[in-house]
């Protein structure tokens, strides 16, 4: 996951500097202590000086061009009309850390402590104006040392980082969108105008340029890496070698173009285009490295997958394939792509016949989704330029005993309702047949992600 760069904006009142200048040393120390805690939690903090008047806030806003969110900390009351115009110009989510230095404030405290611990009504003034102006903001309240408020703020920043990643992502496309698949299809202009992501199409001329630079040592190293990462089932060294060449071709293309995600259409992976075989393994290994992926030219879901991998490394592209009406579950699968981080044990390196395009048979890595709590995530364009993020908490079932499907990507999920009801609700919401599955108790953060992206959110 790339570094989470956030802004930090401490707010204060000039009146106190004018009439009570000795207060600043203590309040500056509090501000720096909070910054240090945020840095310790993994944030790359771009801190503004303490701001009091409109000009200072305007100067601070100029520091935050490259951040995913701005954390505010009221060191004291701060009049909202001094800061609101600058906050509106920032154009990033405002994460309000509503806290004070003192943990206890009862009748035993010295009256002077009021001056050091009354920032909450500055928060209320500012948030009222943020709401009135339609500025996106989120509030987390609690004592900075004696609660989990810092963890909640960091979680919001992590979510903002994922949203920023999607809005600014470069999504590679190998081939074209699968002919006739309309549910996930967006044009490059639509993707750029509605979400901000940009498509980088694979230039078939690059195959010669990249493959000509591959060395035998690189190919042997790639094969050794696969043999260490996966178990071997039906092994074919020559199929593995040509697959390794194609894996490296795609990886070097990703690195050359600085891609956050990509999609390939297996139907366009053909000898006439310079491909020896379909690099399914690279799709799997890319997700393990945090690069988003979706199949069949689906750049929309690929961008989503890449963003969510910034939050949850145990995230994988998948599809709902078959209902098990009797077992009240749904079978997940795809041709040969799965994040190894989501697999039960090691995936199995297997040579298999391939008949879906004019290319030689690859070696593939098959596996079973590990059991646990997860969220199915789908992004659907539900009207022109409008998107709905569909979230469904599911249980990924354990698979044991005789398994006739082990030479495939496979797994079963159980929704929180009968499969018949779930499938009806999913399709009534407009869900597409391409999905991302995120392991963990993630629905709250994913809901916030949808809000930060400006999507409608529907929970099934």
Protein backbone atom coordinates (compact mmCIF):
# COMPACT_ATOMS: atom_id res chain seq x y z
CA UNK A 1 0.00 0.00 0.00
CA UNK A 2 1.29 3.46 -0.88
CA UNK A 3 1.92 6.04 1.85
CA UNK A 4 -1.15 7.81 3.25
CA UNK A 5 -0.39 11.53 2.95
CA UNK A 6 -2.72 13.73 5.01
CA UNK A 7 -2.91 17.37 5.94
CA UNK A 8 -2.98 18.52 9.54
CA UNK A 9 -4.63 21.83 10.41
CA UNK A 10 -4.49 23.16 14.00
CA UNK A 11 -7.03 25.93 14.67
CA UNK A 12 -6.69 28.65 17.30
CA UNK A 13 -7.93 32.11 18.32
CA UNK A 14 -5.81 35.22 17.73
CA UNK A 15 -7.39 36.92 20.73
CA UNK A 16 -5.58 34.47 23.01
CA UNK A 17 -2.22 35.29 21.43
CA UNK A 18 -2.96 38.98 21.97
CA UNK A 19 -4.07 38.83 25.59
CA UNK A 20 -2.80 35.45 26.88
CA UNK A 21 0.40 34.77 24.92
CA UNK A 22 1.73 32.28 27.48
CA UNK A 23 -0.98 29.80 26.48
CA UNK A 24 0.64 29.05 23.14
CA UNK A 25 3.58 27.03 24.39
CA UNK A 26 1.32 24.46 26.00
CA UNK A 27 -1.11 24.34 23.07
CA UNK A 28 1.71 24.03 20.55
CA UNK A 29 3.00 21.09 22.57
CA UNK A 30 -0.42 19.43 22.47
CA UNK A 31 -0.63 19.90 18.70
CA UNK A 32 2.82 18.37 18.16
CA UNK A 33 2.03 15.44 20.47
CA UNK A 34 -1.10 14.60 18.45
CA UNK A 35 0.87 14.88 15.19
CA UNK A 36 3.47 12.45 16.53
CA UNK A 37 0.79 9.91 17.44
CA UNK A 38 -0.65 10.13 13.91
CA UNK A 39 2.78 9.62 12.39
CA UNK A 40 3.33 6.61 14.66
CA UNK A 41 0.10 5.13 13.26
CA UNK A 42 1.52 5.25 9.73
CA UNK A 43 0.29 8.58 8.37
CA UNK A 44 2.52 10.90 6.34
CA UNK A 45 1.50 14.16 7.98
CA UNK A 46 1.81 17.50 6.17
CA UNK A 47 1.32 19.94 9.04
CA UNK A 48 0.31 23.58 8.69
CA UNK A 49 1.35 26.16 11.28
CA UNK A 50 -1.25 27.02 13.89
CA UNK A 51 -3.90 29.08 12.07
CA UNK A 52 -6.04 31.86 13.52
CA UNK A 53 -7.14 34.27 10.77
CA UNK A 54 -8.39 33.90 7.21
CA UNK A 55 -5.06 34.65 5.53
CA UNK A 56 -3.30 32.00 7.59
CA UNK A 57 -5.93 29.43 6.69
CA UNK A 58 -5.61 30.34 2.99
CA UNK A 59 -1.84 29.81 3.18
CA UNK A 60 -2.34 26.48 4.93
CA UNK A 61 -4.78 25.26 2.28
CA UNK A 62 -2.07 25.73 -0.35
CA UNK A 63 0.01 23.08 1.45
CA UNK A 64 -2.63 20.39 0.96
CA UNK A 65 -2.76 19.91 -2.81
CA UNK A 66 -1.32 16.39 -2.69
CA UNK A 67 -3.08 14.97 0.37
CA UNK A 68 -6.04 12.58 0.52
CA UNK A 69 -7.68 14.26 3.53
CA UNK A 70 -7.16 17.05 6.06
CA UNK A 71 -7.32 16.42 9.80
CA UNK A 72 -8.41 19.41 11.87
CA UNK A 73 -7.61 19.89 15.55
CA UNK A 74 -9.17 22.72 17.54
CA UNK A 75 -6.64 23.85 20.12
CA UNK A 76 -9.25 26.33 21.36
CA UNK A 77 -12.35 27.99 20.03
CA UNK A 78 -11.76 29.26 16.48
CA UNK A 79 -14.38 31.39 14.67
CA UNK A 80 -15.60 29.45 11.64
CA UNK A 81 -15.74 32.41 9.25
CA UNK A 82 -11.96 32.67 9.51
CA UNK A 83 -11.45 29.13 8.16
CA UNK A 84 -14.48 28.12 6.13
CA UNK A 85 -13.51 29.64 2.78
CA UNK A 86 -10.12 27.95 2.88
CA UNK A 87 -11.66 24.63 3.90
CA UNK A 88 -14.04 24.84 0.97
CA UNK A 89 -11.14 25.39 -1.46
CA UNK A 90 -9.23 22.34 -0.25
CA UNK A 91 -11.63 19.97 -2.00
CA UNK A 92 -10.63 16.97 0.13
CA UNK A 93 -12.51 15.23 2.96
CA UNK A 94 -12.18 17.07 6.26
CA UNK A 95 -11.56 14.70 9.17
CA UNK A 96 -12.43 16.47 12.40
CA UNK A 97 -10.50 15.21 15.41
CA UNK A 98 -12.73 16.33 18.28
CA UNK A 99 -10.51 15.99 21.33
CA UNK A 100 -8.89 17.96 24.16
CA UNK A 101 -5.72 17.65 26.24
CA UNK A 102 -7.49 16.71 29.50
CA UNK A 103 -9.10 13.32 30.02
CA UNK A 104 -11.07 14.33 33.11
CA UNK A 105 -12.85 17.65 33.48
CA UNK A 106 -14.88 17.73 36.70
CA UNK A 107 -15.38 20.08 39.62
CA UNK A 108 -11.86 19.47 40.87
CA UNK A 109 -10.07 21.16 37.97
CA UNK A 110 -8.53 24.61 38.12
CA UNK A 111 -10.70 27.22 36.42
CA UNK A 112 -7.80 28.12 34.07
CA UNK A 113 -8.12 24.67 32.50
CA UNK A 114 -11.23 25.87 30.70
CA UNK A 115 -8.97 27.85 28.35
CA UNK A 116 -7.05 24.71 27.38
CA UNK A 117 -9.98 22.33 26.92
CA UNK A 118 -12.85 24.17 25.24
CA UNK A 119 -12.11 23.32 21.61
CA UNK A 120 -15.32 21.35 21.20
CA UNK A 121 -17.46 24.41 20.65
CA UNK A 122 -15.04 25.52 17.95
CA UNK A 123 -15.69 22.13 16.38
CA UNK A 124 -19.42 22.77 16.58
CA UNK A 125 -19.11 26.22 14.98
CA UNK A 126 -16.96 24.89 12.12
CA UNK A 127 -19.01 21.74 11.46
CA UNK A 128 -22.21 23.75 11.30
CA UNK A 129 -20.65 25.83 8.54
CA UNK A 130 -19.19 22.79 6.79
CA UNK A 131 -22.70 21.33 6.69
CA UNK A 132 -24.18 24.58 5.40
CA UNK A 133 -21.58 24.85 2.63
CA UNK A 134 -21.96 21.21 1.56
CA UNK A 135 -18.33 20.42 2.33
CA UNK A 136 -17.64 16.73 2.92
CA UNK A 137 -16.54 16.13 6.50
CA UNK A 138 -16.35 13.35 9.08
CA UNK A 139 -16.12 13.68 12.86
CA UNK A 140 -14.46 11.36 15.36
CA UNK A 141 -14.66 12.32 19.05
CA UNK A 142 -12.91 11.02 22.13
CA UNK A 143 -9.83 11.53 24.26
CA UNK A 144 -6.68 11.28 22.16
CA UNK A 145 -4.92 9.00 24.67
CA UNK A 146 -7.70 7.23 26.56
CA UNK A 147 -9.94 6.11 23.72
CA UNK A 148 -9.66 4.68 20.22
CA UNK A 149 -10.30 8.04 18.55
CA UNK A 150 -6.88 8.11 16.89
CA UNK A 151 -7.48 4.66 15.41
CA UNK A 152 -10.85 5.85 14.09
CA UNK A 153 -9.26 8.94 12.54
CA UNK A 154 -6.54 6.82 10.94
CA UNK A 155 -9.22 4.48 9.59
CA UNK A 156 -10.97 7.44 7.98
CA UNK A 157 -7.70 8.62 6.47
CA UNK A 158 -7.04 5.12 5.14
CA UNK A 159 -10.46 5.20 3.51
CA UNK A 160 -9.80 8.67 2.09
CA UNK A 161 -6.51 7.38 0.71
CA UNK A 162 -8.35 4.59 -1.10
CA UNK A 163 -10.87 7.07 -2.54
CA UNK A 164 -8.06 9.40 -3.63
CA UNK A 165 -6.30 6.43 -5.21
CA UNK A 166 -9.38 5.55 -7.26
CA UNK A 167 -10.01 9.13 -8.34
CA UNK A 168 -6.42 9.53 -9.56
CA UNK A 169 -5.76 5.98 -10.76
CA UNK A 170 -4.26 4.90 -14.05
CA UNK A 171 -5.97 1.72 -15.21
CA UNK A 172 -4.36 -0.42 -17.86
CA UNK A 173 -6.41 -2.19 -20.54
CA UNK A 174 -5.06 -5.15 -22.51
CA UNK A 175 -7.31 -5.70 -25.50
CA UNK A 176 -10.86 -4.42 -25.50
CA UNK A 177 -13.92 -4.79 -23.33
CA UNK A 178 -15.50 -8.20 -23.92
CA UNK A 179 -17.97 -7.88 -26.77
CA UNK A 180 -21.56 -7.63 -25.61
CA UNK A 181 -20.89 -7.30 -21.86
CA UNK A 182 -22.74 -4.13 -21.00
CA UNK A 183 -23.10 -4.15 -17.24
CA UNK A 184 -19.60 -2.96 -16.36
CA UNK A 185 -18.81 -1.10 -19.59
CA UNK A 186 -17.74 2.54 -19.39
CA UNK A 187 -15.97 4.58 -22.03
CA UNK A 188 -12.62 6.20 -21.22
CA UNK A 189 -14.31 9.61 -21.22
CA UNK A 190 -17.05 8.43 -18.84
CA UNK A 191 -14.50 6.97 -16.44
CA UNK A 192 -12.43 10.15 -16.45
CA UNK A 193 -15.39 12.52 -16.12
CA UNK A 194 -17.33 10.63 -13.44
CA UNK A 195 -14.60 9.05 -11.31
CA UNK A 196 -11.35 10.66 -12.47
CA UNK A 197 -9.52 7.43 -13.38
CA UNK A 198 -7.63 7.35 -16.66
CA UNK A 199 -7.29 4.36 -19.00
CA UNK A 200 -3.92 3.40 -20.47
CA UNK A 201 -4.39 1.02 -23.39
CA UNK A 202 -1.78 -1.64 -24.08
CA UNK A 203 0.14 -0.92 -27.28
CA UNK A 204 0.74 -4.24 -29.01
CA UNK A 205 4.02 -2.84 -30.30
CA UNK A 206 5.23 -2.86 -26.70
CA UNK A 207 5.34 -6.66 -26.70
CA UNK A 208 8.44 -6.74 -28.88
CA UNK A 209 10.08 -3.88 -26.99
CA UNK A 210 9.56 -5.45 -23.57
CA UNK A 211 10.09 -9.13 -24.37
CA UNK A 212 13.34 -8.35 -26.20
CA UNK A 213 14.75 -7.05 -22.90
CA UNK A 214 13.85 -10.17 -20.89
CA UNK A 215 16.80 -12.28 -19.82
CA UNK A 216 17.00 -15.97 -19.09
CA UNK A 217 17.93 -15.13 -15.50
CA UNK A 218 14.74 -13.06 -15.06
CA UNK A 219 12.61 -15.89 -16.44
CA UNK A 220 14.29 -18.51 -14.26
CA UNK A 221 13.88 -16.26 -11.21
CA UNK A 222 10.19 -15.77 -11.99
CA UNK A 223 9.65 -19.50 -12.29
CA UNK A 224 11.48 -20.11 -9.01
CA UNK A 225 9.30 -17.48 -7.34
CA UNK A 226 6.17 -19.27 -8.56
CA UNK A 227 7.43 -22.63 -7.33
CA UNK A 228 8.01 -21.12 -3.89
CA UNK A 229 4.67 -19.29 -3.78
CA UNK A 230 2.51 -22.14 -5.07
CA UNK A 231 2.31 -25.89 -4.68
CA UNK A 232 2.78 -27.92 -7.87
CA UNK A 233 -0.01 -30.16 -9.10
CA UNK A 234 0.11 -31.03 -12.83
CA UNK A 235 3.39 -29.38 -13.75
CA UNK A 236 4.60 -28.57 -17.27
CA UNK A 237 7.92 -26.75 -17.36
CA UNK A 238 7.53 -25.39 -20.90
CA UNK A 239 4.03 -24.07 -20.17
CA UNK A 240 5.44 -22.50 -17.04
CA UNK A 241 8.30 -20.89 -18.97
CA UNK A 242 6.09 -19.23 -21.57
CA UNK A 243 3.65 -18.15 -18.86
CA UNK A 244 6.54 -16.62 -16.89
CA UNK A 245 7.60 -14.64 -19.97
CA UNK A 246 4.08 -13.27 -20.39
CA UNK A 247 3.80 -12.54 -16.66
CA UNK A 248 6.98 -10.48 -16.80
CA UNK A 249 5.78 -8.72 -19.96
CA UNK A 250 2.62 -7.54 -18.19
CA UNK A 251 4.47 -6.62 -14.98
CA UNK A 252 7.04 -4.51 -16.81
CA UNK A 253 4.21 -2.77 -18.68
CA UNK A 254 2.47 -2.03 -15.36
CA UNK A 255 5.67 -0.63 -13.89
CA UNK A 256 6.56 1.36 -17.00
CA UNK A 257 3.18 3.12 -16.99
CA UNK A 258 2.80 3.47 -13.22
CA UNK A 259 -0.54 1.64 -13.22
CA UNK A 260 -2.72 1.23 -10.12
CA UNK A 261 -4.90 -1.42 -11.75
CA UNK A 262 -5.48 -3.21 -15.02
CA UNK A 263 -7.82 -5.48 -16.90
CA UNK A 264 -7.23 -7.93 -19.71
CA UNK A 265 -9.65 -9.58 -22.10
CA UNK A 266 -8.54 -13.19 -22.56
CA UNK A 267 -10.22 -13.23 -25.99
CA UNK A 268 -7.64 -10.71 -27.23
CA UNK A 269 -4.65 -12.70 -25.91
CA UNK A 270 -3.68 -14.32 -29.20
CA UNK A 271 -0.56 -15.37 -31.05
CA UNK A 272 -1.23 -12.82 -33.80
CA UNK A 273 -1.01 -10.11 -31.15
CA UNK A 274 2.31 -11.43 -29.90
CA UNK A 275 1.10 -13.26 -26.80
CA UNK A 276 2.26 -16.81 -26.19
CA UNK A 277 -0.32 -17.56 -23.51
CA UNK A 278 -2.73 -15.83 -21.16
CA UNK A 279 -0.86 -14.49 -18.09
CA UNK A 280 -3.46 -15.46 -15.51
CA UNK A 281 -0.85 -15.90 -12.79
CA UNK A 282 0.30 -12.31 -13.14
CA UNK A 283 -3.27 -11.14 -12.50
CA UNK A 284 -3.22 -13.08 -9.23
CA UNK A 285 0.24 -11.94 -8.21
CA UNK A 286 -0.58 -8.33 -9.13
CA UNK A 287 -3.45 -8.29 -6.64
CA UNK A 288 -1.12 -9.66 -3.97
CA UNK A 289 1.18 -6.67 -4.68
CA UNK A 290 -1.74 -4.20 -4.34
CA UNK A 291 -2.45 -3.72 -8.07
CA UNK A 292 -6.16 -3.89 -8.85
CA UNK A 293 -7.48 -6.35 -11.40
CA UNK A 294 -10.69 -7.32 -13.15
CA UNK A 295 -11.24 -9.57 -16.14
CA UNK A 296 -12.70 -9.11 -19.63
CA UNK A 297 -11.70 -5.49 -20.07
CA UNK A 298 -13.62 -4.30 -16.99
CA UNK A 299 -11.64 -1.17 -16.10
CA UNK A 300 -14.33 0.03 -13.69
CA UNK A 301 -14.07 -2.96 -11.37
CA UNK A 302 -10.29 -3.04 -11.79
CA UNK A 303 -10.08 0.54 -10.52
CA UNK A 304 -12.35 -0.37 -7.60
CA UNK A 305 -10.24 -3.42 -6.77
CA UNK A 306 -7.05 -1.33 -6.83
CA UNK A 307 -8.56 1.23 -4.47
CA UNK A 308 -9.84 -1.33 -1.98
CA UNK A 309 -6.49 -3.12 -1.93
CA UNK A 310 -5.10 0.10 -0.43
CA UNK A 311 -7.35 -0.53 2.57
CA UNK A 312 -7.57 -4.31 2.69
CA UNK A 313 -4.73 -6.44 1.26
CA UNK A 314 -6.98 -9.52 1.46
CA UNK A 315 -9.12 -8.39 -1.47
CA UNK A 316 -9.75 -10.26 -4.70
CA UNK A 317 -11.64 -10.00 -7.96
CA UNK A 318 -14.30 -12.70 -8.29
CA UNK A 319 -17.69 -13.58 -9.75
CA UNK A 320 -20.82 -15.29 -8.46
CA UNK A 321 -21.11 -18.31 -10.74
CA UNK A 322 -23.62 -20.86 -9.48
CA UNK A 323 -26.28 -20.98 -6.76
CA UNK A 324 -26.35 -23.94 -4.40
CA UNK A 325 -30.05 -23.78 -3.62
CA UNK A 326 -29.90 -26.86 -1.43
CA UNK A 327 -26.95 -25.64 0.62
CA UNK A 328 -28.18 -22.02 0.63
CA UNK A 329 -24.86 -20.73 -0.66
CA UNK A 330 -23.33 -19.29 -3.83
CA UNK A 331 -20.33 -20.67 -5.70
CA UNK A 332 -17.60 -18.12 -6.54
CA UNK A 333 -15.13 -18.64 -9.35
CA UNK A 334 -13.34 -17.28 -12.37
CA UNK A 335 -11.12 -18.64 -15.11
CA UNK A 336 -7.76 -18.28 -13.38
CA UNK A 337 -7.44 -15.09 -11.32
CA UNK A 338 -7.43 -14.85 -7.54
CA UNK A 339 -5.42 -12.95 -4.95
CA UNK A 340 -3.21 -15.57 -3.24
CA UNK A 341 -3.67 -13.65 0.04
CA UNK A 342 -7.33 -14.77 0.01
CA UNK A 343 -6.61 -18.45 -0.60
CA UNK A 344 -6.86 -21.31 1.86
CA UNK A 345 -3.29 -22.50 1.97
CA UNK A 346 -1.09 -22.37 -1.09
CA UNK A 347 -2.65 -22.17 -4.53
CA UNK A 348 -1.79 -25.07 -6.84
CA UNK A 349 0.33 -24.54 -9.95
CA UNK A 350 -1.44 -26.58 -12.63
CA UNK A 351 -1.02 -27.11 -16.37
CA UNK A 352 -4.36 -27.19 -18.10
CA UNK A 353 -5.74 -27.20 -21.61
CA UNK A 354 -6.85 -23.83 -22.95
CA UNK A 355 -9.33 -23.35 -25.80
CA UNK A 356 -10.77 -19.87 -25.35
CA UNK A 357 -8.40 -17.94 -27.66
CA UNK A 358 -5.64 -18.66 -30.14
CA UNK A 359 -2.83 -18.98 -27.59
CA UNK A 360 -0.77 -21.80 -26.13
CA UNK A 361 -1.87 -23.42 -22.91
CA UNK A 362 -0.62 -21.55 -19.85
CA UNK A 363 0.21 -22.87 -16.46
CA UNK A 364 -2.31 -21.55 -13.94
CA UNK A 365 -2.62 -21.24 -10.18
CA UNK A 366 -5.87 -22.55 -8.72
CA UNK A 367 -7.11 -22.17 -5.19
CA UNK A 368 -10.02 -22.12 -2.77
CA UNK A 369 -11.15 -18.97 -0.97
CA UNK A 370 -10.33 -19.30 2.72
CA UNK A 371 -13.17 -19.32 5.26
CA UNK A 372 -14.03 -16.17 7.16
CA UNK A 373 -16.08 -13.00 7.27
CA UNK A 374 -16.07 -10.92 4.10
CA UNK A 375 -17.92 -8.25 2.18
CA UNK A 376 -18.93 -8.59 -1.46
CA UNK A 377 -18.45 -5.23 -3.17
CA UNK A 378 -19.90 -4.21 -6.50
CA UNK A 379 -19.82 -0.90 -8.34
CA UNK A 380 -22.68 -0.47 -10.80
CA UNK A 381 -23.54 2.45 -13.04
CA UNK A 382 -27.22 2.69 -12.21
CA UNK A 383 -28.00 5.72 -14.38
CA UNK A 384 -25.95 7.91 -16.68
CA UNK A 385 -22.96 9.15 -14.71
CA UNK A 386 -24.35 7.85 -11.41
CA UNK A 387 -22.90 4.88 -9.54
CA UNK A 388 -24.13 2.66 -6.73
CA UNK A 389 -21.75 0.82 -4.43
CA UNK A 390 -23.45 -2.41 -3.38
CA UNK A 391 -22.18 -4.01 -0.17
CA UNK A 392 -23.12 -7.44 1.17
CA UNK A 393 -21.72 -9.05 4.32
CA UNK A 394 -21.18 -12.76 3.74
CA UNK A 395 -19.59 -15.78 5.33
CA UNK A 396 -17.00 -17.55 3.19
CA UNK A 397 -17.53 -21.23 3.93
CA UNK A 398 -14.84 -23.74 4.73
CA UNK A 399 -14.28 -26.45 2.14
CA UNK A 400 -13.02 -29.83 3.28
CA UNK A 401 -13.18 -33.45 2.21
CA UNK A 402 -13.40 -34.67 -1.37
CA UNK A 403 -13.24 -31.68 -3.72
CA UNK A 404 -14.02 -32.23 -7.39
CA UNK A 405 -13.45 -28.54 -8.15
CA UNK A 406 -9.87 -28.23 -6.92
CA UNK A 407 -8.59 -27.54 -10.46
CA UNK A 408 -10.40 -24.22 -10.52
CA UNK A 409 -10.70 -20.95 -8.68
CA UNK A 410 -13.48 -21.77 -6.22
CA UNK A 411 -15.26 -21.01 -2.99
CA UNK A 412 -18.73 -20.70 -1.50
CA UNK A 413 -20.33 -17.77 0.30
CA UNK A 414 -23.39 -17.65 2.53
CA UNK A 415 -25.27 -14.33 2.66
CA UNK A 416 -27.17 -13.12 5.74
CA UNK A 417 -30.46 -14.17 4.13
CA UNK A 418 -31.77 -16.95 1.90
CA UNK A 419 -29.88 -17.15 -1.39
CA UNK A 420 -33.11 -16.61 -3.32
CA UNK A 421 -33.75 -13.32 -1.50
CA UNK A 422 -30.16 -12.21 -1.81
CA UNK A 423 -29.96 -12.82 -5.56
CA UNK A 424 -33.24 -10.99 -6.10
CA UNK A 425 -32.12 -7.98 -4.06
CA UNK A 426 -28.71 -7.91 -5.75
CA UNK A 427 -30.14 -7.79 -9.25
CA UNK A 428 -32.88 -5.35 -8.27
CA UNK A 429 -30.07 -3.05 -7.09
CA UNK A 430 -28.47 -3.29 -10.54
CA UNK A 431 -25.40 -5.26 -9.46
CA UNK A 432 -23.04 -6.38 -12.21
CA UNK A 433 -21.59 -9.87 -12.63
CA UNK A 434 -18.08 -8.69 -11.69
CA UNK A 435 -17.28 -8.29 -8.01
CA UNK A 436 -14.58 -7.60 -5.49
CA UNK A 437 -14.50 -9.60 -2.26
CA UNK A 438 -12.93 -7.98 0.81
CA UNK A 439 -12.09 -10.05 3.87
CA UNK A 440 -12.79 -8.65 7.31
CA UNK A 441 -15.34 -6.55 9.17
CA UNK A 442 -15.21 -3.89 6.49
CA UNK A 443 -18.75 -2.73 5.76
CA UNK A 444 -18.51 0.49 7.81
CA UNK A 445 -15.30 1.66 6.17
CA UNK A 446 -16.57 0.62 2.74
CA UNK A 447 -19.74 2.64 3.30
CA UNK A 448 -17.57 5.67 4.11
CA UNK A 449 -15.49 4.96 0.99
CA UNK A 450 -18.66 5.10 -1.10
CA UNK A 451 -19.63 8.40 0.50
CA UNK A 452 -16.17 9.87 -0.15
CA UNK A 453 -16.44 8.80 -3.79
CA UNK A 454 -19.88 10.36 -4.17
CA UNK A 455 -21.54 7.00 -4.86
CA UNK A 456 -24.94 5.94 -3.65
CA UNK A 457 -24.47 3.09 -1.17
CA UNK A 458 -26.83 0.15 -0.90
CA UNK A 459 -26.33 -2.54 1.71
CA UNK A 460 -27.92 -5.92 1.07
